[in-house]
C-alpha atoms as a PDB file:
ATOM      1  CA  MET A   1      -6.204 -13.797   4.540  1.00  0.00           C
ATOM      2  CA  ALA A   2      -2.534 -13.036   4.916  1.00  0.00           C
ATOM      3  CA  LEU A   3      -0.444 -10.038   5.885  1.00  0.00           C
ATOM      4  CA  PHE A   4       1.795  -8.319   3.361  1.00  0.00           C
ATOM      5  CA  ILE A   5       4.065  -5.307   3.407  1.00  0.00           C
ATOM      6  CA  ASP A   6       4.441  -3.586   0.111  1.00  0.00           C
ATOM      7  CA  VAL A   7       7.236  -1.193  -0.758  1.00  0.00           C
ATOM      8  CA  HIS A   8       6.940   1.747  -3.120  1.00  0.00           C
ATOM      9  CA  GLU A   9      10.579   2.612  -3.822  1.00  0.00           C
ATOM     10  CA  HIS A  10      10.081   5.204  -6.547  1.00  0.00           C
ATOM     11  CA  LEU A  11       7.322   7.612  -5.607  1.00  0.00           C
ATOM     12  CA  PRO A  12       7.164  10.617  -7.919  1.00  0.00           C
ATOM     13  CA  GLU A  13       9.554  13.461  -7.084  1.00  0.00           C
ATOM     14  CA  GLY A  14       7.928  15.850  -4.637  1.00  0.00           C
ATOM     15  CA  THR A  15       5.492  13.308  -3.188  1.00  0.00           C
ATOM     16  CA  THR A  16       4.552  14.348   0.351  1.00  0.00           C
ATOM     17  CA  ALA A  17       3.126  12.498   3.333  1.00  0.00           C
ATOM     18  CA  GLN A  18      -0.180  14.239   2.521  1.00  0.00           C
ATOM     19  CA  ASP A  19      -0.093  12.765  -0.995  1.00  0.00           C
ATOM     20  CA  VAL A  20       0.429   9.291   0.446  1.00  0.00           C
ATOM     21  CA  ALA A  21      -2.412   9.880   2.922  1.00  0.00           C
ATOM     22  CA  ALA A  22      -4.708  10.731  -0.008  1.00  0.00           C
ATOM     23  CA  ALA A  23      -3.622   7.568  -1.853  1.00  0.00           C
ATOM     24  CA  HIS A  24      -4.283   5.522   1.301  1.00  0.00           C
ATOM     25  CA  ALA A  25      -7.783   7.033   1.559  1.00  0.00           C
ATOM     26  CA  ALA A  26      -8.409   6.020  -2.061  1.00  0.00           C
ATOM     27  CA  ASP A  27      -7.314   2.461  -1.192  1.00  0.00           C
ATOM     28  CA  LEU A  28      -9.721   2.384   1.747  1.00  0.00           C
ATOM     29  CA  ALA A  29     -12.587   3.504  -0.484  1.00  0.00           C
ATOM     30  CA  ILE A  30     -12.375   0.416  -2.740  1.00  0.00           C
ATOM     31  CA  GLN A  31     -10.538  -2.224  -0.697  1.00  0.00           C
ATOM     32  CA  GLY A  32     -13.738  -4.038   0.302  1.00  0.00           C
ATOM     33  CA  ASP A  33     -14.440  -4.826  -3.338  1.00  0.00           C
ATOM     34  CA  TYR A  34     -11.392  -7.123  -3.276  1.00  0.00           C
ATOM     35  CA  GLY A  35     -11.545  -8.512   0.267  1.00  0.00           C
ATOM     36  CA  VAL A  36      -8.511  -6.403   1.185  1.00  0.00           C
ATOM     37  CA  LYS A  37      -7.871  -4.319   4.314  1.00  0.00           C
ATOM     38  CA  TYR A  38      -5.077  -1.761   4.204  1.00  0.00           C
ATOM     39  CA  GLN A  39      -4.110  -1.316   7.852  1.00  0.00           C
ATOM     40  CA  ARG A  40      -1.225   1.160   8.095  1.00  0.00           C
ATOM     41  CA  TYR A  41       1.319   2.939   5.982  1.00  0.00           C
ATOM     42  CA  TRP A  42       4.615   4.730   6.464  1.00  0.00           C
ATOM     43  CA  VAL A  43       6.307   7.244   4.208  1.00  0.00           C
ATOM     44  CA  ASP A  44       9.843   8.623   3.912  1.00  0.00           C
ATOM     45  CA  GLU A  45       9.578  11.850   1.947  1.00  0.00           C
ATOM     46  CA  THR A  46      13.355  12.165   1.628  1.00  0.00           C
ATOM     47  CA  SER A  47      13.849   8.861  -0.173  1.00  0.00           C
ATOM     48  CA  HIS A  48      10.441   8.936  -1.954  1.00  0.00           C
ATOM     49  CA  THR A  49       9.558   5.586  -0.385  1.00  0.00           C
ATOM     50  CA  ALA A  50       6.357   4.303   1.193  1.00  0.00           C
ATOM     51  CA  PHE A  51       5.444   1.066   2.945  1.00  0.00           C
ATOM     52  CA  CYS A  52       1.931  -0.349   3.337  1.00  0.00           C
ATOM     53  CA  LEU A  53       0.699  -3.083   5.678  1.00  0.00           C
ATOM     54  CA  VAL A  54      -2.234  -4.936   4.191  1.00  0.00           C
ATOM     55  CA  ASP A  55      -4.367  -7.930   5.060  1.00  0.00           C
ATOM     56  CA  ALA A  56      -5.357  -9.548   1.771  1.00  0.00           C
ATOM     57  CA  PRO A  57      -6.334 -12.882   0.243  1.00  0.00           C
ATOM     58  CA  ASP A  58      -3.157 -12.725  -1.855  1.00  0.00           C
ATOM     59  CA  ALA A  59      -0.520 -10.260  -3.070  1.00  0.00           C
ATOM     60  CA  GLU A  60      -2.243  -9.689  -6.412  1.00  0.00           C
ATOM     61  CA  SER A  61      -5.446  -8.511  -4.709  1.00  0.00           C
ATOM     62  CA  ALA A  62      -3.474  -5.963  -2.707  1.00  0.00           C
ATOM     63  CA  ILE A  63      -1.710  -4.720  -5.839  1.00  0.00           C
ATOM     64  CA  THR A  64      -5.012  -4.495  -7.721  1.00  0.00           C
ATOM     65  CA  VAL A  65      -6.441  -2.143  -5.091  1.00  0.00           C
ATOM     66  CA  HIS A  66      -3.434   0.196  -5.462  1.00  0.00           C
ATOM     67  CA  ARG A  67      -3.620   0.041  -9.258  1.00  0.00           C
ATOM     68  CA  GLU A  68      -7.318   0.898  -9.386  1.00  0.00           C
ATOM     69  CA  ALA A  69      -7.341   3.417  -6.525  1.00  0.00           C
ATOM     70  CA  HIS A  70      -4.440   5.620  -7.634  1.00  0.00           C
ATOM     71  CA  GLY A  71      -2.059   3.771  -9.947  1.00  0.00           C
ATOM     72  CA  LEU A  72       0.905   3.676  -7.556  1.00  0.00           C
ATOM     73  CA  VAL A  73       1.723  -0.023  -7.564  1.00  0.00           C
ATOM     74  CA  PRO A  74       4.480  -1.306  -5.282  1.00  0.00           C
ATOM     75  CA  ASP A  75       7.924  -2.266  -6.473  1.00  0.00           C
ATOM     76  CA  ARG A  76       7.998  -5.168  -4.021  1.00  0.00           C
ATOM     77  CA  ILE A  77       5.542  -7.002  -1.813  1.00  0.00           C
ATOM     78  CA  TYR A  78       6.460  -9.384   1.001  1.00  0.00           C
ATOM     79  CA  PRO A  79       4.326 -11.826   2.978  1.00  0.00           C
ATOM     80  CA  VAL A  80       4.919 -11.192   6.680  1.00  0.00           C
ATOM     81  CA  VAL A  81       3.973 -12.661  10.050  1.00  0.00           C
ATOM     82  CA  GLU A  82       3.195 -10.254  12.857  1.00  0.00           C
ATOM     83  CA  GLY A  83       5.397 -10.538  15.920  1.00  0.00           C
ATOM     84  CA  ALA A  84       4.781  -9.497  19.498  1.00  0.00           C
END
């Protein structure tokens, strides 16, 4: 397992924090099927951007969960190491 942060840079116009919360809940509902654990997310409604922290076997598994749960795949995904 590895940590990744994914970035959704082009959420649909009018997307709210509540919309992102619903998408996150959809991720949680199926993540176990792919050995993925979405941990946290952040959203900036003004710039239509969201960030997700995920523990996954690989980046493609994390993207697959988003694709199947709600279709909002990230524009970028970065492997990260947690600091103190």
